Amino acid sequence: MKSAYELAMEKLGKPREFSDEKKAQLAEIDSRYESEKAQVKLGADEELKNAALDPAKQDEIREQLARDLKRFEEQKETEKRKVREGKGSK
């Protein structure tokens, strides 16, 4: 039995094959954004420790972290889409 992914790929046609250069660009984008996300998480952890006695401040920090992580993910996917479409990366 085929997975949903396999069935979808059949409907769309053969999956794209990327050159080694594009694969490297995509991997570099992933790596860069994972690094940025890790830095933001570490900063948020430190801020959460400093705001240990202020639950409202902790909630604010968590909300900002979630917004930042979502923004990074959107930026990463935008860059990767450009590479896949042959428009290069930033």
Protein backbone atom coordinates (compact mmCIF):
# COMPACT_ATOMS: atom_id res chain seq x y z
CA MET A 1 0.00 0.00 0.00
CA LYS A 2 1.34 3.44 -0.94
CA SER A 3 1.68 6.32 1.48
CA ALA A 4 -0.25 9.55 1.01
CA TYR A 5 3.02 11.19 -0.01
CA GLU A 6 3.67 8.60 -2.71
CA LEU A 7 0.14 8.98 -4.07
CA ALA A 8 0.44 12.77 -4.14
CA MET A 9 3.79 12.57 -5.92
CA GLU A 10 2.27 10.26 -8.54
CA LYS A 11 -0.47 12.82 -9.20
CA LEU A 12 2.07 15.62 -9.50
CA GLY A 13 4.47 13.64 -11.63
CA LYS A 14 8.03 12.65 -10.98
CA PRO A 15 9.62 14.51 -8.06
CA ARG A 16 12.23 17.10 -8.95
CA GLU A 17 15.84 16.16 -8.79
CA PHE A 18 18.10 18.96 -7.65
CA SER A 19 21.71 19.47 -8.60
CA ASP A 20 24.39 19.04 -5.97
CA GLU A 21 24.80 22.82 -5.94
CA LYS A 22 21.10 23.40 -5.19
CA LYS A 23 21.13 20.67 -2.54
CA ALA A 24 24.10 22.40 -0.90
CA GLN A 25 22.31 25.76 -1.02
CA LEU A 26 19.20 24.26 0.56
CA ALA A 27 21.29 22.59 3.27
CA GLU A 28 23.11 25.86 3.98
CA ILE A 29 19.78 27.68 4.34
CA ASP A 30 18.53 25.02 6.76
CA SER A 31 21.74 25.20 8.75
CA ARG A 32 21.75 29.00 8.94
CA TYR A 33 18.17 29.22 10.15
CA GLU A 34 18.60 26.39 12.64
CA SER A 35 21.55 28.32 14.07
CA GLU A 36 19.52 31.53 14.29
CA LYS A 37 16.64 29.69 15.94
CA ALA A 38 19.00 28.14 18.48
CA GLN A 39 20.45 31.55 19.35
CA VAL A 40 16.98 33.03 19.85
CA LYS A 41 15.96 30.06 22.02
CA LEU A 42 19.05 30.46 24.20
CA GLY A 43 18.35 34.16 24.61
CA ALA A 44 14.74 33.46 25.50
CA ASP A 45 15.80 30.83 28.05
CA GLU A 46 18.06 33.38 29.72
CA GLU A 47 15.29 35.98 29.75
CA LEU A 48 12.88 33.44 31.22
CA LYS A 49 15.34 32.72 34.04
CA ASN A 50 15.69 36.43 34.73
CA ALA A 51 11.90 36.83 34.80
CA ALA A 52 11.35 33.87 37.10
CA LEU A 53 9.23 35.92 39.51
CA ASP A 54 7.14 37.62 36.82
CA PRO A 55 4.71 35.22 35.11
CA ALA A 56 3.35 37.98 32.85
CA LYS A 57 6.85 38.76 31.60
CA GLN A 58 7.49 35.05 31.03
CA ASP A 59 4.32 34.80 28.93
CA GLU A 60 5.44 37.80 26.90
CA ILE A 61 8.86 36.22 26.32
CA ARG A 62 7.28 32.92 25.21
CA GLU A 63 4.93 34.72 22.82
CA GLN A 64 7.82 36.68 21.31
CA LEU A 65 9.83 33.48 20.95
CA ALA A 66 6.95 31.80 19.12
CA ARG A 67 6.62 34.79 16.77
CA ASP A 68 10.37 34.83 16.11
CA LEU A 69 10.50 31.09 15.39
CA LYS A 70 7.53 31.34 13.04
CA ARG A 71 9.13 34.29 11.23
CA PHE A 72 12.41 32.38 10.84
CA GLU A 73 10.55 29.37 9.44
CA GLU A 74 8.69 31.55 6.94
CA GLN A 75 11.91 33.27 5.85
CA LYS A 76 13.68 29.94 5.50
CA GLU A 77 10.92 28.49 3.34
CA THR A 78 10.86 31.62 1.17
CA GLU A 79 14.60 31.36 0.55
CA LYS A 80 14.37 27.64 -0.17
CA ARG A 81 11.49 28.19 -2.59
CA LYS A 82 13.63 30.74 -4.49
CA VAL A 83 16.47 28.23 -4.76
CA ARG A 84 14.10 25.50 -5.94
CA GLU A 85 12.67 27.84 -8.57
CA GLY A 86 16.15 28.73 -9.77
CA LYS A 87 16.17 32.27 -8.46
CA GLY A 88 19.06 31.65 -6.06
CA SER A 89 19.27 32.51 -2.39
CA LYS A 90 19.92 35.80 -0.60
